[in-house]
Amino acid sequence: MTDYLPKEVLDGLAEARRRDRRKKARLRVHAGEDVFIVHRLWDSGFAVDAQDAPRLRGLVDIYDGARHLWQCLIVASTAENGEMVYEFKRNTVAEDRAPLDFVRDADAPIALLSRD
């Protein structure tokens, strides 16, 4: 048995792996109107397919499906193994409500009830 495969077969296998990653991926990067699928994510950055993504930089949003996870300031780092790698300069958790500027007591009333 040989360890050599023709270039066409290797290209077909690489394309099949890319399609499979796209189907399974839930994480997305939103840069303005553009949306890119995240292949890998770690504490200090993420990677997307090099064929799809330009050299992004600036403010982007990362979503898990429809849930907004982070708002990030990024810079393109390197291109390796068909992926474009980006590093976080700032990574802020997205909240679904405005932060309070005061401390709320644990036993504070939730609402006022009228006597009607």
C-alpha atoms as a PDB file:
ATOM      1  CA  MET A   1       0.000   0.000   0.000  1.00  0.00           C
ATOM      2  CA  THR A   2       1.343   3.435  -0.876  1.00  0.00           C
ATOM      3  CA  ASP A   3       1.319   6.626   1.174  1.00  0.00           C
ATOM      4  CA  TYR A   4       0.916   8.798  -1.908  1.00  0.00           C
ATOM      5  CA  LEU A   5      -2.429  10.256  -2.953  1.00  0.00           C
ATOM      6  CA  PRO A   6      -2.965  12.340  -6.078  1.00  0.00           C
ATOM      7  CA  LYS A   7      -3.290  16.108  -5.606  1.00  0.00           C
ATOM      8  CA  GLU A   8      -6.939  16.041  -6.741  1.00  0.00           C
ATOM      9  CA  VAL A   9      -7.832  13.531  -4.022  1.00  0.00           C
ATOM     10  CA  LEU A  10      -6.021  15.558  -1.344  1.00  0.00           C
ATOM     11  CA  ASP A  11      -7.799  18.735  -2.508  1.00  0.00           C
ATOM     12  CA  GLY A  12     -11.142  16.925  -2.418  1.00  0.00           C
ATOM     13  CA  LEU A  13     -10.488  15.697   1.119  1.00  0.00           C
ATOM     14  CA  ALA A  14      -9.509  19.201   2.271  1.00  0.00           C
ATOM     15  CA  GLU A  15     -12.689  20.648   0.739  1.00  0.00           C
ATOM     16  CA  ALA A  16     -14.812  17.966   2.421  1.00  0.00           C
ATOM     17  CA  ARG A  17     -13.217  18.806   5.791  1.00  0.00           C
ATOM     18  CA  ARG A  18     -13.947  22.525   5.233  1.00  0.00           C
ATOM     19  CA  ARG A  19     -17.600  21.803   4.388  1.00  0.00           C
ATOM     20  CA  ASP A  20     -17.930  19.569   7.448  1.00  0.00           C
ATOM     21  CA  ARG A  21     -16.508  22.300   9.716  1.00  0.00           C
ATOM     22  CA  ARG A  22     -18.965  24.833   8.278  1.00  0.00           C
ATOM     23  CA  LYS A  23     -21.938  22.571   8.982  1.00  0.00           C
ATOM     24  CA  LYS A  24     -20.900  21.896  12.577  1.00  0.00           C
ATOM     25  CA  ALA A  25     -19.735  25.418  13.466  1.00  0.00           C
ATOM     26  CA  ARG A  26     -21.977  27.611  15.591  1.00  0.00           C
ATOM     27  CA  LEU A  27     -19.567  30.449  16.338  1.00  0.00           C
ATOM     28  CA  ARG A  28     -19.622  33.380  13.930  1.00  0.00           C
ATOM     29  CA  VAL A  29     -17.717  36.662  13.656  1.00  0.00           C
ATOM     30  CA  HIS A  30     -19.737  39.685  12.529  1.00  0.00           C
ATOM     31  CA  ALA A  31     -17.662  42.517  11.062  1.00  0.00           C
ATOM     32  CA  GLY A  32     -20.161  45.105   9.907  1.00  0.00           C
ATOM     33  CA  GLU A  33     -22.374  43.337   7.345  1.00  0.00           C
ATOM     34  CA  ASP A  34     -19.876  40.492   6.789  1.00  0.00           C
ATOM     35  CA  VAL A  35     -20.175  37.183   8.677  1.00  0.00           C
ATOM     36  CA  PHE A  36     -17.386  34.607   8.986  1.00  0.00           C
ATOM     37  CA  ILE A  37     -17.418  31.133  10.559  1.00  0.00           C
ATOM     38  CA  VAL A  38     -15.011  30.621  13.479  1.00  0.00           C
ATOM     39  CA  HIS A  39     -12.996  27.394  13.207  1.00  0.00           C
ATOM     40  CA  ARG A  40     -11.164  27.643  16.510  1.00  0.00           C
ATOM     41  CA  LEU A  41     -11.488  29.907  19.551  1.00  0.00           C
ATOM     42  CA  TRP A  42      -9.111  30.270  22.519  1.00  0.00           C
ATOM     43  CA  ASP A  43      -8.511  32.797  25.309  1.00  0.00           C
ATOM     44  CA  SER A  44      -6.403  35.220  23.297  1.00  0.00           C
ATOM     45  CA  GLY A  45      -7.884  34.871  19.801  1.00  0.00           C
ATOM     46  CA  PHE A  46      -9.671  32.874  17.113  1.00  0.00           C
ATOM     47  CA  ALA A  47      -9.156  31.460  13.617  1.00  0.00           C
ATOM     48  CA  VAL A  48     -11.320  31.558  10.482  1.00  0.00           C
ATOM     49  CA  ASP A  49     -10.912  30.100   6.990  1.00  0.00           C
ATOM     50  CA  ALA A  50      -8.247  32.053   5.118  1.00  0.00           C
ATOM     51  CA  GLN A  51     -10.157  31.805   1.819  1.00  0.00           C
ATOM     52  CA  ASP A  52     -13.215  33.570   3.253  1.00  0.00           C
ATOM     53  CA  ALA A  53     -11.798  36.196   5.584  1.00  0.00           C
ATOM     54  CA  PRO A  54      -9.858  39.299   4.688  1.00  0.00           C
ATOM     55  CA  ARG A  55      -7.276  40.727   7.055  1.00  0.00           C
ATOM     56  CA  LEU A  56      -9.830  41.972   9.567  1.00  0.00           C
ATOM     57  CA  ARG A  57      -8.995  44.478  12.255  1.00  0.00           C
ATOM     58  CA  GLY A  58     -10.985  46.663  14.554  1.00  0.00           C
ATOM     59  CA  LEU A  59     -14.271  46.052  16.334  1.00  0.00           C
ATOM     60  CA  VAL A  60     -16.128  42.770  15.685  1.00  0.00           C
ATOM     61  CA  ASP A  61     -18.875  40.798  17.434  1.00  0.00           C
ATOM     62  CA  ILE A  62     -18.753  37.063  18.152  1.00  0.00           C
ATOM     63  CA  TYR A  63     -22.028  35.117  18.207  1.00  0.00           C
ATOM     64  CA  ASP A  64     -22.928  31.559  19.199  1.00  0.00           C
ATOM     65  CA  GLY A  65     -25.925  30.974  16.958  1.00  0.00           C
ATOM     66  CA  ALA A  66     -28.185  33.941  17.735  1.00  0.00           C
ATOM     67  CA  ARG A  67     -26.657  34.671  21.168  1.00  0.00           C
ATOM     68  CA  HIS A  68     -24.225  37.598  21.293  1.00  0.00           C
ATOM     69  CA  LEU A  69     -21.173  36.477  23.314  1.00  0.00           C
ATOM     70  CA  TRP A  70     -18.450  39.130  22.993  1.00  0.00           C
ATOM     71  CA  GLN A  71     -17.592  42.439  21.459  1.00  0.00           C
ATOM     72  CA  CYS A  72     -13.903  42.349  20.549  1.00  0.00           C
ATOM     73  CA  LEU A  73     -11.168  44.589  19.280  1.00  0.00           C
ATOM     74  CA  ILE A  74      -8.956  42.425  17.057  1.00  0.00           C
ATOM     75  CA  VAL A  75      -5.895  42.484  14.839  1.00  0.00           C
ATOM     76  CA  ALA A  76      -4.892  39.942  12.174  1.00  0.00           C
ATOM     77  CA  SER A  77      -1.956  37.928  13.423  1.00  0.00           C
ATOM     78  CA  THR A  78      -0.860  35.198  10.982  1.00  0.00           C
ATOM     79  CA  ALA A  79      -2.055  32.927   8.212  1.00  0.00           C
ATOM     80  CA  GLU A  80      -1.255  29.266   8.835  1.00  0.00           C
ATOM     81  CA  ASN A  81      -2.597  25.933   7.573  1.00  0.00           C
ATOM     82  CA  GLY A  82      -5.373  27.565   5.543  1.00  0.00           C
ATOM     83  CA  GLU A  83      -6.627  29.599   8.526  1.00  0.00           C
ATOM     84  CA  MET A  84      -6.351  33.293   9.281  1.00  0.00           C
ATOM     85  CA  VAL A  85      -5.514  33.789  12.953  1.00  0.00           C
ATOM     86  CA  TYR A  86      -6.688  36.885  14.846  1.00  0.00           C
ATOM     87  CA  GLU A  87      -5.604  38.075  18.289  1.00  0.00           C
ATOM     88  CA  PHE A  88      -7.786  39.948  20.788  1.00  0.00           C
ATOM     89  CA  LYS A  89      -6.668  43.377  21.910  1.00  0.00           C
ATOM     90  CA  ARG A  90      -9.848  43.668  23.971  1.00  0.00           C
ATOM     91  CA  ASN A  91     -12.563  41.092  24.623  1.00  0.00           C
ATOM     92  CA  THR A  92     -15.709  42.316  26.403  1.00  0.00           C
ATOM     93  CA  VAL A  93     -18.610  40.076  27.398  1.00  0.00           C
ATOM     94  CA  ALA A  94     -21.879  41.228  25.813  1.00  0.00           C
ATOM     95  CA  GLU A  95     -24.679  41.811  28.316  1.00  0.00           C
ATOM     96  CA  ASP A  96     -28.384  41.709  27.536  1.00  0.00           C
ATOM     97  CA  ARG A  97     -29.180  44.571  29.929  1.00  0.00           C
ATOM     98  CA  ALA A  98     -27.527  47.815  30.988  1.00  0.00           C
ATOM     99  CA  PRO A  99     -25.214  47.590  33.995  1.00  0.00           C
ATOM    100  CA  LEU A 100     -26.437  48.986  37.311  1.00  0.00           C
ATOM    101  CA  ASP A 101     -24.533  51.920  38.743  1.00  0.00           C
ATOM    102  CA  PHE A 102     -25.583  51.034  42.301  1.00  0.00           C
ATOM    103  CA  VAL A 103     -25.583  47.980  44.561  1.00  0.00           C
ATOM    104  CA  ARG A 104     -28.907  46.160  44.729  1.00  0.00           C
ATOM    105  CA  ASP A 105     -29.786  44.563  48.077  1.00  0.00           C
ATOM    106  CA  ALA A 106     -30.474  40.837  47.997  1.00  0.00           C
ATOM    107  CA  ASP A 107     -33.782  41.328  49.888  1.00  0.00           C
ATOM    108  CA  ALA A 108     -34.914  44.455  47.985  1.00  0.00           C
ATOM    109  CA  PRO A 109     -38.525  44.427  46.720  1.00  0.00           C
ATOM    110  CA  ILE A 110     -38.958  43.420  43.093  1.00  0.00           C
ATOM    111  CA  ALA A 111     -42.117  45.454  42.421  1.00  0.00           C
ATOM    112  CA  LEU A 112     -44.684  47.618  44.185  1.00  0.00           C
ATOM    113  CA  LEU A 113     -48.172  46.229  44.736  1.00  0.00           C
ATOM    114  CA  SER A 114     -51.130  48.572  44.825  1.00  0.00           C
ATOM    115  CA  ARG A 115     -53.896  48.261  47.476  1.00  0.00           C
ATOM    116  CA  ASP A 116     -56.749  48.176  44.930  1.00  0.00           C
END
